[in-house]
Amino acid sequence: MLTKEEMPACPVATTVQLIGSKWKLLILRNLLARPWRFNELKKDLEGISQKVLTDSLRSMEEDGIVLRTVYPEVPPRVEYSLSELGDSMRPIISAMEQWGLGYQAAMRRMD
């Protein structure tokens, strides 16, 4: 979680600091659909390393965006899902998706 001292004065910079990496955005995109297990995310996010996925999930959990649930099974099952705070980013990701679709369409028209 960002301390008051670490939090940028600009709210856009705060958002970018929390989810601004390519991988965090893609993790967030996936978790908006449903809870995921670590290996499912790793397989779906082509090119992400285990270390980057682990670090990203830990950071997002510390920031209150992601929930990590460990089920008491053998072997242990761990699922990642969005917290209420994380789910509140749904309109932001949806707006990014809509903009991206419009941009792709505009680029296709230019060909």
PDB file of N, CA and C in Angstrom:
ATOM      1  N   MET A   1       0.846  -1.169   0.000  1.00  0.00           N
ATOM      2  CA  MET A   1       0.000   0.000   0.000  1.00  0.00           C
ATOM      3  C   MET A   1       0.897   1.240   0.000  1.00  0.00           C
ATOM      4  N   LEU A   2       0.559   2.201  -0.833  1.00  0.00           N
ATOM      5  CA  LEU A   2       1.333   3.428  -0.898  1.00  0.00           C
ATOM      6  C   LEU A   2       1.122   4.255   0.366  1.00  0.00           C
ATOM      7  N   THR A   3       2.214   4.762   0.900  1.00  0.00           N
ATOM      8  CA  THR A   3       2.094   5.667   2.045  1.00  0.00           C
ATOM      9  C   THR A   3       1.756   7.050   1.519  1.00  0.00           C
ATOM     10  N   LYS A   4       1.348   7.946   2.409  1.00  0.00           N
ATOM     11  CA  LYS A   4       1.041   9.330   1.996  1.00  0.00           C
ATOM     12  C   LYS A   4       2.240   9.968   1.316  1.00  0.00           C
ATOM     13  N   GLU A   5       3.432   9.664   1.826  1.00  0.00           N
ATOM     14  CA  GLU A   5       4.641  10.258   1.267  1.00  0.00           C
ATOM     15  C   GLU A   5       4.959   9.713  -0.127  1.00  0.00           C
ATOM     16  N   GLU A   6       4.613   8.460  -0.369  1.00  0.00           N
ATOM     17  CA  GLU A   6       4.907   7.836  -1.661  1.00  0.00           C
ATOM     18  C   GLU A   6       3.861   8.174  -2.725  1.00  0.00           C
ATOM     19  N   MET A   7       2.680   8.582  -2.290  1.00  0.00           N
ATOM     20  CA  MET A   7       1.593   8.823  -3.219  1.00  0.00           C
ATOM     21  C   MET A   7       1.814  10.127  -3.980  1.00  0.00           C
ATOM     22  N   PRO A   8       1.810  10.053  -5.308  1.00  0.00           N
ATOM     23  CA  PRO A   8       1.975  11.271  -6.102  1.00  0.00           C
ATOM     24  C   PRO A   8       0.825  12.251  -5.846  1.00  0.00           C
ATOM     25  N   ALA A   9       1.088  13.530  -6.014  1.00  0.00           N
ATOM     26  CA  ALA A   9       0.041  14.539  -5.849  1.00  0.00           C
ATOM     27  C   ALA A   9      -1.009  14.419  -6.949  1.00  0.00           C
ATOM     28  N   CYS A  10      -0.574  14.014  -8.122  1.00  0.00           N
ATOM     29  CA  CYS A  10      -1.470  13.885  -9.273  1.00  0.00           C
ATOM     30  C   CYS A  10      -2.222  12.548  -9.208  1.00  0.00           C
ATOM     31  N   PRO A  11      -3.560  12.563  -9.277  1.00  0.00           N
ATOM     32  CA  PRO A  11      -4.316  11.307  -9.209  1.00  0.00           C
ATOM     33  C   PRO A  11      -4.056  10.374 -10.396  1.00  0.00           C
ATOM     34  N   VAL A  12      -3.774  10.935 -11.561  1.00  0.00           N
ATOM     35  CA  VAL A  12      -3.452  10.087 -12.720  1.00  0.00           C
ATOM     36  C   VAL A  12      -2.138   9.360 -12.466  1.00  0.00           C
ATOM     37  N   ALA A  13      -1.164  10.057 -11.901  1.00  0.00           N
ATOM     38  CA  ALA A  13       0.125   9.435 -11.577  1.00  0.00           C
ATOM     39  C   ALA A  13      -0.047   8.338 -10.532  1.00  0.00           C
ATOM     40  N   THR A  14      -0.965   8.529  -9.592  1.00  0.00           N
ATOM     41  CA  THR A  14      -1.246   7.485  -8.595  1.00  0.00           C
ATOM     42  C   THR A  14      -1.755   6.225  -9.283  1.00  0.00           C
ATOM     43  N   THR A  15      -2.705   6.389 -10.201  1.00  0.00           N
ATOM     44  CA  THR A  15      -3.265   5.243 -10.932  1.00  0.00           C
ATOM     45  C   THR A  15      -2.186   4.544 -11.744  1.00  0.00           C
ATOM     46  N   VAL A  16      -1.372   5.324 -12.430  1.00  0.00           N
ATOM     47  CA  VAL A  16      -0.292   4.755 -13.238  1.00  0.00           C
ATOM     48  C   VAL A  16       0.693   4.001 -12.348  1.00  0.00           C
ATOM     49  N   GLN A  17       0.990   4.544 -11.194  1.00  0.00           N
ATOM     50  CA  GLN A  17       1.919   3.879 -10.277  1.00  0.00           C
ATOM     51  C   GLN A  17       1.361   2.530  -9.815  1.00  0.00           C
ATOM     52  N   LEU A  18       0.043   2.449  -9.635  1.00  0.00           N
ATOM     53  CA  LEU A  18      -0.570   1.213  -9.149  1.00  0.00           C
ATOM     54  C   LEU A  18      -0.744   0.155 -10.235  1.00  0.00           C
ATOM     55  N   ILE A  19      -1.121   0.559 -11.444  1.00  0.00           N
ATOM     56  CA  ILE A  19      -1.425  -0.432 -12.486  1.00  0.00           C
ATOM     57  C   ILE A  19      -0.757  -0.126 -13.816  1.00  0.00           C
ATOM     58  N   GLY A  20       0.254   0.727 -13.819  1.00  0.00           N
ATOM     59  CA  GLY A  20       0.818   1.219 -15.066  1.00  0.00           C
ATOM     60  C   GLY A  20       1.694   0.279 -15.850  1.00  0.00           C
ATOM     61  N   SER A  21       2.071  -0.852 -15.282  1.00  0.00           N
ATOM     62  CA  SER A  21       2.914  -1.751 -16.072  1.00  0.00           C
ATOM     63  C   SER A  21       2.053  -2.592 -17.009  1.00  0.00           C
ATOM     64  N   LYS A  22       2.647  -3.008 -18.093  1.00  0.00           N
ATOM     65  CA  LYS A  22       1.952  -3.850 -19.073  1.00  0.00           C
ATOM     66  C   LYS A  22       1.355  -5.073 -18.396  1.00  0.00           C
ATOM     67  N   TRP A  23       2.136  -5.726 -17.551  1.00  0.00           N
ATOM     68  CA  TRP A  23       1.678  -6.980 -16.958  1.00  0.00           C
ATOM     69  C   TRP A  23       0.577  -6.768 -15.936  1.00  0.00           C
ATOM     70  N   LYS A  24       0.666  -5.720 -15.148  1.00  0.00           N
ATOM     71  CA  LYS A  24      -0.387  -5.463 -14.166  1.00  0.00           C
ATOM     72  C   LYS A  24      -1.720  -5.193 -14.860  1.00  0.00           C
ATOM     73  N   LEU A  25      -1.685  -4.462 -15.948  1.00  0.00           N
ATOM     74  CA  LEU A  25      -2.919  -4.204 -16.694  1.00  0.00           C
ATOM     75  C   LEU A  25      -3.519  -5.489 -17.248  1.00  0.00           C
ATOM     76  N   LEU A  26      -2.671  -6.370 -17.768  1.00  0.00           N
ATOM     77  CA  LEU A  26      -3.174  -7.621 -18.327  1.00  0.00           C
ATOM     78  C   LEU A  26      -3.668  -8.571 -17.229  1.00  0.00           C
ATOM     79  N   ILE A  27      -3.006  -8.574 -16.081  1.00  0.00           N
ATOM     80  CA  ILE A  27      -3.482  -9.361 -14.937  1.00  0.00           C
ATOM     81  C   ILE A  27      -4.850  -8.842 -14.515  1.00  0.00           C
ATOM     82  N   LEU A  28      -4.972  -7.532 -14.405  1.00  0.00           N
ATOM     83  CA  LEU A  28      -6.230  -6.905 -14.029  1.00  0.00           C
ATOM     84  C   LEU A  28      -7.324  -7.261 -15.028  1.00  0.00           C
ATOM     85  N   ARG A  29      -7.005  -7.192 -16.301  1.00  0.00           N
ATOM     86  CA  ARG A  29      -7.971  -7.557 -17.353  1.00  0.00           C
ATOM     87  C   ARG A  29      -8.492  -8.969 -17.137  1.00  0.00           C
ATOM     88  N   ASN A  30      -7.577  -9.912 -16.870  1.00  0.00           N
ATOM     89  CA  ASN A  30      -7.990 -11.300 -16.655  1.00  0.00           C
ATOM     90  C   ASN A  30      -8.849 -11.447 -15.407  1.00  0.00           C
ATOM     91  N   LEU A  31      -8.418 -10.811 -14.327  1.00  0.00           N
ATOM     92  CA  LEU A  31      -9.135 -10.961 -13.056  1.00  0.00           C
ATOM     93  C   LEU A  31     -10.503 -10.295 -13.077  1.00  0.00           C
ATOM     94  N   LEU A  32     -10.742  -9.385 -14.006  1.00  0.00           N
ATOM     95  CA  LEU A  32     -12.070  -8.804 -14.146  1.00  0.00           C
ATOM     96  C   LEU A  32     -13.078  -9.852 -14.613  1.00  0.00           C
ATOM     97  N   ALA A  33     -12.602 -10.874 -15.298  1.00  0.00           N
ATOM     98  CA  ALA A  33     -13.496 -11.916 -15.813  1.00  0.00           C
ATOM     99  C   ALA A  33     -13.863 -12.948 -14.744  1.00  0.00           C
ATOM    100  N   ARG A  34     -12.867 -13.335 -13.919  1.00  0.00           N
ATOM    101  CA  ARG A  34     -13.079 -14.394 -12.929  1.00  0.00           C
ATOM    102  C   ARG A  34     -11.823 -14.559 -12.095  1.00  0.00           C
ATOM    103  N   PRO A  35     -11.900 -15.322 -10.994  1.00  0.00           N
ATOM    104  CA  PRO A  35     -10.680 -15.661 -10.255  1.00  0.00           C
ATOM    105  C   PRO A  35      -9.795 -16.598 -11.081  1.00  0.00           C
ATOM    106  N   TRP A  36      -8.481 -16.463 -10.919  1.00  0.00           N
ATOM    107  CA  TRP A  36      -7.521 -17.276 -11.658  1.00  0.00           C
ATOM    108  C   TRP A  36      -6.518 -17.883 -10.693  1.00  0.00           C
ATOM    109  N   ARG A  37      -6.036 -19.051 -11.046  1.00  0.00           N
ATOM    110  CA  ARG A  37      -4.917 -19.653 -10.330  1.00  0.00           C
ATOM    111  C   ARG A  37      -3.623 -19.157 -10.980  1.00  0.00           C
ATOM    112  N   PHE A  38      -2.528 -19.234 -10.221  1.00  0.00           N
ATOM    113  CA  PHE A  38      -1.245 -18.714 -10.683  1.00  0.00           C
ATOM    114  C   PHE A  38      -0.856 -19.304 -12.037  1.00  0.00           C
ATOM    115  N   ASN A  39      -0.876 -20.635 -12.156  1.00  0.00           N
ATOM    116  CA  ASN A  39      -0.429 -21.272 -13.399  1.00  0.00           C
ATOM    117  C   ASN A  39      -1.342 -20.948 -14.578  1.00  0.00           C
ATOM    118  N   GLU A  40      -2.632 -20.736 -14.310  1.00  0.00           N
ATOM    119  CA  GLU A  40      -3.545 -20.317 -15.379  1.00  0.00           C
ATOM    120  C   GLU A  40      -3.128 -18.946 -15.914  1.00  0.00           C
ATOM    121  N   LEU A  41      -2.841 -18.034 -14.993  1.00  0.00           N
ATOM    122  CA  LEU A  41      -2.399 -16.699 -15.412  1.00  0.00           C
ATOM    123  C   LEU A  41      -1.096 -16.782 -16.196  1.00  0.00           C
ATOM    124  N   LYS A  42      -0.165 -17.572 -15.704  1.00  0.00           N
ATOM    125  CA  LYS A  42       1.144 -17.701 -16.362  1.00  0.00           C
ATOM    126  C   LYS A  42       0.982 -18.212 -17.787  1.00  0.00           C
ATOM    127  N   LYS A  43       0.105 -19.202 -17.981  1.00  0.00           N
ATOM    128  CA  LYS A  43      -0.118 -19.744 -19.328  1.00  0.00           C
ATOM    129  C   LYS A  43      -0.815 -18.731 -20.229  1.00  0.00           C
ATOM    130  N   ASP A  44      -1.775 -17.985 -19.668  1.00  0.00           N
ATOM    131  CA  ASP A  44      -2.557 -17.057 -20.477  1.00  0.00           C
ATOM    132  C   ASP A  44      -1.777 -15.799 -20.848  1.00  0.00           C
ATOM    133  N   LEU A  45      -0.899 -15.371 -19.963  1.00  0.00           N
ATOM    134  CA  LEU A  45      -0.122 -14.143 -20.204  1.00  0.00           C
ATOM    135  C   LEU A  45       1.200 -14.521 -20.874  1.00  0.00           C
ATOM    136  N   GLU A  46       1.128 -14.749 -22.154  1.00  0.00           N
ATOM    137  CA  GLU A  46       2.281 -15.225 -22.909  1.00  0.00           C
ATOM    138  C   GLU A  46       3.457 -14.259 -22.788  1.00  0.00           C
ATOM    139  N   GLY A  47       4.597 -14.786 -22.359  1.00  0.00           N
ATOM    140  CA  GLY A  47       5.805 -13.989 -22.262  1.00  0.00           C
ATOM    141  C   GLY A  47       6.129 -13.507 -20.863  1.00  0.00           C
ATOM    142  N   ILE A  48       5.207 -13.648 -19.916  1.00  0.00           N
ATOM    143  CA  ILE A  48       5.481 -13.191 -18.558  1.00  0.00           C
ATOM    144  C   ILE A  48       6.328 -14.241 -17.843  1.00  0.00           C
ATOM    145  N   SER A  49       7.306 -13.789 -17.091  1.00  0.00           N
ATOM    146  CA  SER A  49       8.129 -14.725 -16.322  1.00  0.00           C
ATOM    147  C   SER A  49       7.449 -15.012 -14.992  1.00  0.00           C
ATOM    148  N   GLN A  50       7.828 -16.100 -14.380  1.00  0.00           N
ATOM    149  CA  GLN A  50       7.269 -16.468 -13.083  1.00  0.00           C
ATOM    150  C   GLN A  50       7.563 -15.381 -12.054  1.00  0.00           C
ATOM    151  N   LYS A  51       8.788 -14.831 -12.093  1.00  0.00           N
ATOM    152  CA  LYS A  51       9.178 -13.792 -11.132  1.00  0.00           C
ATOM    153  C   LYS A  51       8.336 -12.532 -11.303  1.00  0.00           C
ATOM    154  N   VAL A  52       8.139 -12.096 -12.538  1.00  0.00           N
ATOM    155  CA  VAL A  52       7.361 -10.881 -12.786  1.00  0.00           C
ATOM    156  C   VAL A  52       5.904 -11.094 -12.376  1.00  0.00           C
ATOM    157  N   LEU A  53       5.348 -12.270 -12.662  1.00  0.00           N
ATOM    158  CA  LEU A  53       3.974 -12.556 -12.261  1.00  0.00           C
ATOM    159  C   LEU A  53       3.853 -12.565 -10.745  1.00  0.00           C
ATOM    160  N   THR A  54       4.777 -13.234 -10.077  1.00  0.00           N
ATOM    161  CA  THR A  54       4.775 -13.275  -8.612  1.00  0.00           C
ATOM    162  C   THR A  54       4.893 -11.876  -8.025  1.00  0.00           C
ATOM    163  N   ASP A  55       5.858 -11.106  -8.514  1.00  0.00           N
ATOM    164  CA  ASP A  55       6.068  -9.746  -8.003  1.00  0.00           C
ATOM    165  C   ASP A  55       4.853  -8.856  -8.261  1.00  0.00           C
ATOM    166  N   SER A  56       4.263  -8.974  -9.437  1.00  0.00           N
ATOM    167  CA  SER A  56       3.097  -8.149  -9.787  1.00  0.00           C
ATOM    168  C   SER A  56       1.906  -8.483  -8.899  1.00  0.00           C
ATOM    169  N   LEU A  57       1.652  -9.782  -8.720  1.00  0.00           N
ATOM    170  CA  LEU A  57       0.526 -10.196  -7.874  1.00  0.00           C
ATOM    171  C   LEU A  57       0.735  -9.756  -6.427  1.00  0.00           C
ATOM    172  N   ARG A  58       1.945  -9.909  -5.923  1.00  0.00           N
ATOM    173  CA  ARG A  58       2.241  -9.473  -4.548  1.00  0.00           C
ATOM    174  C   ARG A  58       2.033  -7.971  -4.390  1.00  0.00           C
ATOM    175  N   SER A  59       2.533  -7.220  -5.350  1.00  0.00           N
ATOM    176  CA  SER A  59       2.393  -5.764  -5.307  1.00  0.00           C
ATOM    177  C   SER A  59       0.922  -5.354  -5.357  1.00  0.00           C
ATOM    178  N   MET A  60       0.166  -5.980  -6.234  1.00  0.00           N
ATOM    179  CA  MET A  60      -1.253  -5.651  -6.361  1.00  0.00           C
ATOM    180  C   MET A  60      -2.025  -6.067  -5.111  1.00  0.00           C
ATOM    181  N   GLU A  61      -1.586  -7.153  -4.472  1.00  0.00           N
ATOM    182  CA  GLU A  61      -2.206  -7.577  -3.217  1.00  0.00           C
ATOM    183  C   GLU A  61      -1.895  -6.559  -2.111  1.00  0.00           C
ATOM    184  N   GLU A  62      -0.645  -6.132  -2.024  1.00  0.00           N
ATOM    185  CA  GLU A  62      -0.244  -5.132  -1.023  1.00  0.00           C
ATOM    186  C   GLU A  62      -0.982  -3.810  -1.218  1.00  0.00           C
ATOM    187  N   ASP A  63      -1.273  -3.477  -2.472  1.00  0.00           N
ATOM    188  CA  ASP A  63      -1.973  -2.231  -2.777  1.00  0.00           C
ATOM    189  C   ASP A  63      -3.487  -2.343  -2.598  1.00  0.00           C
ATOM    190  N   GLY A  64      -3.966  -3.539  -2.240  1.00  0.00           N
ATOM    191  CA  GLY A  64      -5.390  -3.721  -1.981  1.00  0.00           C
ATOM    192  C   GLY A  64      -6.234  -3.948  -3.216  1.00  0.00           C
ATOM    193  N   ILE A  65      -5.597  -4.248  -4.347  1.00  0.00           N
ATOM    194  CA  ILE A  65      -6.317  -4.438  -5.608  1.00  0.00           C
ATOM    195  C   ILE A  65      -6.684  -5.902  -5.829  1.00  0.00           C
ATOM    196  N   VAL A  66      -5.813  -6.807  -5.371  1.00  0.00           N
ATOM    197  CA  VAL A  66      -5.976  -8.239  -5.585  1.00  0.00           C
ATOM    198  C   VAL A  66      -6.109  -8.959  -4.242  1.00  0.00           C
ATOM    199  N   LEU A  67      -6.965  -9.969  -4.239  1.00  0.00           N
ATOM    200  CA  LEU A  67      -7.108 -10.844  -3.070  1.00  0.00           C
ATOM    201  C   LEU A  67      -6.477 -12.198  -3.399  1.00  0.00           C
ATOM    202  N   ARG A  68      -5.740 -12.739  -2.457  1.00  0.00           N
ATOM    203  CA  ARG A  68      -5.116 -14.054  -2.599  1.00  0.00           C
ATOM    204  C   ARG A  68      -5.812 -14.978  -1.612  1.00  0.00           C
ATOM    205  N   THR A  69      -6.452 -16.029  -2.133  1.00  0.00           N
ATOM    206  CA  THR A  69      -7.179 -16.975  -1.292  1.00  0.00           C
ATOM    207  C   THR A  69      -6.490 -18.330  -1.357  1.00  0.00           C
ATOM    208  N   VAL A  70      -6.088 -18.837  -0.198  1.00  0.00           N
ATOM    209  CA  VAL A  70      -5.454 -20.155  -0.102  1.00  0.00           C
ATOM    210  C   VAL A  70      -6.491 -21.120   0.454  1.00  0.00           C
ATOM    211  N   TYR A  71      -6.765 -22.184  -0.293  1.00  0.00           N
ATOM    212  CA  TYR A  71      -7.732 -23.187   0.137  1.00  0.00           C
ATOM    213  C   TYR A  71      -7.000 -24.309   0.857  1.00  0.00           C
ATOM    214  N   PRO A  72      -7.539 -24.757   1.994  1.00  0.00           N
ATOM    215  CA  PRO A  72      -6.870 -25.803   2.787  1.00  0.00           C
ATOM    216  C   PRO A  72      -7.045 -27.187   2.163  1.00  0.00           C
ATOM    217  N   GLU A  73      -6.331 -27.415   1.089  1.00  0.00           N
ATOM    218  CA  GLU A  73      -6.380 -28.684   0.371  1.00  0.00           C
ATOM    219  C   GLU A  73      -4.962 -29.193   0.220  1.00  0.00           C
ATOM    220  N   VAL A  74      -4.853 -30.445  -0.178  1.00  0.00           N
ATOM    221  CA  VAL A  74      -3.540 -31.022  -0.471  1.00  0.00           C
ATOM    222  C   VAL A  74      -3.578 -31.487  -1.919  1.00  0.00           C
ATOM    223  N   PRO A  75      -2.739 -30.919  -2.778  1.00  0.00           N
ATOM    224  CA  PRO A  75      -1.853 -29.775  -2.547  1.00  0.00           C
ATOM    225  C   PRO A  75      -2.671 -28.489  -2.392  1.00  0.00           C
ATOM    226  N   PRO A  76      -2.097 -27.471  -1.747  1.00  0.00           N
ATOM    227  CA  PRO A  76      -2.832 -26.225  -1.537  1.00  0.00           C
ATOM    228  C   PRO A  76      -3.234 -25.588  -2.869  1.00  0.00           C
ATOM    229  N   ARG A  77      -4.434 -25.058  -2.898  1.00  0.00           N
ATOM    230  CA  ARG A  77      -4.934 -24.354  -4.086  1.00  0.00           C
ATOM    231  C   ARG A  77      -4.996 -22.877  -3.737  1.00  0.00           C
ATOM    232  N   VAL A  78      -4.409 -22.048  -4.601  1.00  0.00           N
ATOM    233  CA  VAL A  78      -4.391 -20.598  -4.396  1.00  0.00           C
ATOM    234  C   VAL A  78      -5.081 -19.942  -5.586  1.00  0.00           C
ATOM    235  N   GLU A  79      -6.008 -19.054  -5.293  1.00  0.00           N
ATOM    236  CA  GLU A  79      -6.694 -18.300  -6.346  1.00  0.00           C
ATOM    237  C   GLU A  79      -6.508 -16.814  -6.109  1.00  0.00           C
ATOM    238  N   TYR A  80      -6.424 -16.099  -7.213  1.00  0.00           N
ATOM    239  CA  TYR A  80      -6.319 -14.650  -7.174  1.00  0.00           C
ATOM    240  C   TYR A  80      -7.593 -14.072  -7.766  1.00  0.00           C
ATOM    241  N   SER A  81      -8.127 -13.072  -7.085  1.00  0.00           N
ATOM    242  CA  SER A  81      -9.327 -12.388  -7.560  1.00  0.00           C
ATOM    243  C   SER A  81      -9.186 -10.910  -7.247  1.00  0.00           C
ATOM    244  N   LEU A  82     -10.097 -10.125  -7.771  1.00  0.00           N
ATOM    245  CA  LEU A  82     -10.061  -8.691  -7.502  1.00  0.00           C
ATOM    246  C   LEU A  82     -10.781  -8.386  -6.201  1.00  0.00           C
ATOM    247  N   SER A  83     -10.234  -7.464  -5.471  1.00  0.00           N
ATOM    248  CA  SER A  83     -10.920  -6.937  -4.294  1.00  0.00           C
ATOM    249  C   SER A  83     -12.008  -5.984  -4.796  1.00  0.00           C
ATOM    250  N   GLU A  84     -12.791  -5.472  -3.890  1.00  0.00           N
ATOM    251  CA  GLU A  84     -13.795  -4.476  -4.269  1.00  0.00           C
ATOM    252  C   GLU A  84     -13.114  -3.259  -4.890  1.00  0.00           C
ATOM    253  N   LEU A  85     -11.990  -2.866  -4.322  1.00  0.00           N
ATOM    254  CA  LEU A  85     -11.217  -1.742  -4.859  1.00  0.00           C
ATOM    255  C   LEU A  85     -10.716  -2.053  -6.270  1.00  0.00           C
ATOM    256  N   GLY A  86     -10.204  -3.273  -6.457  1.00  0.00           N
ATOM    257  CA  GLY A  86      -9.739  -3.674  -7.783  1.00  0.00           C
ATOM    258  C   GLY A  86     -10.869  -3.693  -8.801  1.00  0.00           C
ATOM    259  N   ASP A  87     -12.033  -4.193  -8.384  1.00  0.00           N
ATOM    260  CA  ASP A  87     -13.180  -4.254  -9.285  1.00  0.00           C
ATOM    261  C   ASP A  87     -13.665  -2.857  -9.663  1.00  0.00           C
ATOM    262  N   SER A  88     -13.384  -1.875  -8.817  1.00  0.00           N
ATOM    263  CA  SER A  88     -13.804  -0.505  -9.139  1.00  0.00           C
ATOM    264  C   SER A  88     -13.033   0.048 -10.339  1.00  0.00           C
ATOM    265  N   MET A  89     -12.008  -0.671 -10.797  1.00  0.00           N
ATOM    266  CA  MET A  89     -11.252  -0.249 -11.983  1.00  0.00           C
ATOM    267  C   MET A  89     -11.894  -0.745 -13.279  1.00  0.00           C
ATOM    268  N   ARG A  90     -12.978  -1.493 -13.153  1.00  0.00           N
ATOM    269  CA  ARG A  90     -13.672  -2.040 -14.326  1.00  0.00           C
ATOM    270  C   ARG A  90     -13.969  -0.964 -15.380  1.00  0.00           C
ATOM    271  N   PRO A  91     -14.544   0.204 -15.019  1.00  0.00           N
ATOM    272  CA  PRO A  91     -14.833   1.204 -16.060  1.00  0.00           C
ATOM    273  C   PRO A  91     -13.573   1.755 -16.732  1.00  0.00           C
ATOM    274  N   ILE A  92     -12.475   1.802 -15.999  1.00  0.00           N
ATOM    275  CA  ILE A  92     -11.218   2.293 -16.575  1.00  0.00           C
ATOM    276  C   ILE A  92     -10.726   1.320 -17.647  1.00  0.00           C
ATOM    277  N   ILE A  93     -10.716   0.034 -17.308  1.00  0.00           N
ATOM    278  CA  ILE A  93     -10.254  -0.982 -18.266  1.00  0.00           C
ATOM    279  C   ILE A  93     -11.208  -1.058 -19.451  1.00  0.00           C
ATOM    280  N   SER A  94     -12.508  -0.929 -19.185  1.00  0.00           N
ATOM    281  CA  SER A  94     -13.495  -0.942 -20.266  1.00  0.00           C
ATOM    282  C   SER A  94     -13.267   0.242 -21.212  1.00  0.00           C
ATOM    283  N   ALA A  95     -12.988   1.421 -20.651  1.00  0.00           N
ATOM    284  CA  ALA A  95     -12.720   2.595 -21.492  1.00  0.00           C
ATOM    285  C   ALA A  95     -11.455   2.375 -22.325  1.00  0.00           C
ATOM    286  N   MET A  96     -10.439   1.760 -21.725  1.00  0.00           N
ATOM    287  CA  MET A  96      -9.204   1.471 -22.474  1.00  0.00           C
ATOM    288  C   MET A  96      -9.485   0.493 -23.612  1.00  0.00           C
ATOM    289  N   GLU A  97     -10.326  -0.506 -23.336  1.00  0.00           N
ATOM    290  CA  GLU A  97     -10.690  -1.481 -24.366  1.00  0.00           C
ATOM    291  C   GLU A  97     -11.417  -0.794 -25.523  1.00  0.00           C
ATOM    292  N   GLN A  98     -12.381   0.065 -25.215  1.00  0.00           N
ATOM    293  CA  GLN A  98     -13.138   0.765 -26.250  1.00  0.00           C
ATOM    294  C   GLN A  98     -12.231   1.672 -27.081  1.00  0.00           C
ATOM    295  N   TRP A  99     -11.332   2.382 -26.407  1.00  0.00           N
ATOM    296  CA  TRP A  99     -10.404   3.237 -27.133  1.00  0.00           C
ATOM    297  C   TRP A  99      -9.516   2.403 -28.041  1.00  0.00           C
ATOM    298  N   GLY A 100      -9.019   1.271 -27.524  1.00  0.00           N
ATOM    299  CA  GLY A 100      -8.161   0.389 -28.314  1.00  0.00           C
ATOM    300  C   GLY A 100      -8.873  -0.155 -29.539  1.00  0.00           C
ATOM    301  N   LEU A 101     -10.137  -0.535 -29.380  1.00  0.00           N
ATOM    302  CA  LEU A 101     -10.922  -1.021 -30.523  1.00  0.00           C
ATOM    303  C   LEU A 101     -11.078   0.078 -31.574  1.00  0.00           C
ATOM    304  N   GLY A 102     -11.349   1.297 -31.125  1.00  0.00           N
ATOM    305  CA  GLY A 102     -11.480   2.421 -32.058  1.00  0.00           C
ATOM    306  C   GLY A 102     -10.172   2.711 -32.777  1.00  0.00           C
ATOM    307  N   TYR A 103      -9.089   2.646 -32.055  1.00  0.00           N
ATOM    308  CA  TYR A 103      -7.775   2.889 -32.654  1.00  0.00           C
ATOM    309  C   TYR A 103      -7.457   1.814 -33.689  1.00  0.00           C
ATOM    310  N   GLN A 104      -7.697   0.548 -33.338  1.00  0.00           N
ATOM    311  CA  GLN A 104      -7.441  -0.542 -34.285  1.00  0.00           C
ATOM    312  C   GLN A 104      -8.268  -0.362 -35.553  1.00  0.00           C
ATOM    313  N   ALA A 105      -9.534   0.013 -35.390  1.00  0.00           N
ATOM    314  CA  ALA A 105     -10.404   0.220 -36.546  1.00  0.00           C
ATOM    315  C   ALA A 105      -9.903   1.372 -37.404  1.00  0.00           C
ATOM    316  N   ALA A 106      -9.468   2.456 -36.778  1.00  0.00           N
ATOM    317  CA  ALA A 106      -8.945   3.606 -37.516  1.00  0.00           C
ATOM    318  C   ALA A 106      -7.697   3.233 -38.297  1.00  0.00           C
ATOM    319  N   MET A 107      -6.830   2.439 -37.695  1.00  0.00           N
ATOM    320  CA  MET A 107      -5.588   2.018 -38.374  1.00  0.00           C
ATOM    321  C   MET A 107      -5.901   1.095 -39.549  1.00  0.00           C
ATOM    322  N   ARG A 108      -6.908   0.241 -39.392  1.00  0.00           N
ATOM    323  CA  ARG A 108      -7.287  -0.646 -40.509  1.00  0.00           C
ATOM    324  C   ARG A 108      -7.853   0.165 -41.684  1.00  0.00           C
ATOM    325  N   ARG A 109      -8.573   1.217 -41.368  1.00  0.00           N
ATOM    326  CA  ARG A 109      -9.135   2.062 -42.437  1.00  0.00           C
ATOM    327  C   ARG A 109      -8.045   2.796 -43.201  1.00  0.00           C
ATOM    328  N   MET A 110      -6.914   3.028 -42.569  1.00  0.00           N
ATOM    329  CA  MET A 110      -5.811   3.755 -43.218  1.00  0.00           C
ATOM    330  C   MET A 110      -5.038   2.876 -44.193  1.00  0.00           C
ATOM    331  N   ASP A 111      -5.176   1.551 -44.057  1.00  0.00           N
ATOM    332  CA  ASP A 111      -4.422   0.638 -44.944  1.00  0.00           C
ATOM    333  C   ASP A 111      -4.946   0.658 -46.343  1.00  0.00           C
TER     334      ASP A 111
END
